[in-house]
């Protein structure tokens, strides 16, 4: 039985912000899970010339496996992003706490630091997961549908936060269905269709013909 993805190959330079687009079922989530090491693959992932090491990659999954009623606060979830910078059971440093507070601020949730997950809306919970990835300060950020469930202002705030990371040399790859946000925030687009990657600028990839070919869900925002 053939795999979901076959013969896929591409490279992304440090400091690039790239959107991954394509129809449902084309393998976007599978690709991201392969890159982060959650799924086996025959190919190789190389970052800075070597296999990824602990802390190199932060990941925002499309579906979070945590139970929303688990007794944990926003601050504690975001603090998990600093785990790669500490020894096992190590205490948070002053720098860790600054990174946590800054990430929560960047996604627009500064007053929810101590709020339990069970008291969050779906969009707020999504932003908490993004804040956790921001706090990790990884070299590469992989995000699967980061804007799902976010309102316009929150989505633009997240784009700004990602741009700041890119300006510091971080590589961002995000699967995105909201094509208006792709045009606004992503200088490069990878159009995925199982065994084919169409690589280019938004104006080249997201014209009428490719969008029809990819059957992407156009979730237009009033921008």
Foldseek 3Di string as FASTA:
>chain_A
DDDLADQDDDDDFFLAAEEEEFAPSSCPLVVLCVQVPNDDDDDAHDDPRHHDDQLQEAEAHPDDPDDLPPFDFLLRLLLVLQVSVADVVDDQDPLLVVLSQVLCVLLPNNPRNGPRSNPDDPLNVLSSSLSSRSSSLHQEYEYEASCVPPAPVSLVSSLVSVSVSSVVRRHYYYHHLALVCCLVRHQKYWYGRRHDTDIDGSVVCVDDPNCVVRVGRHPYHPD
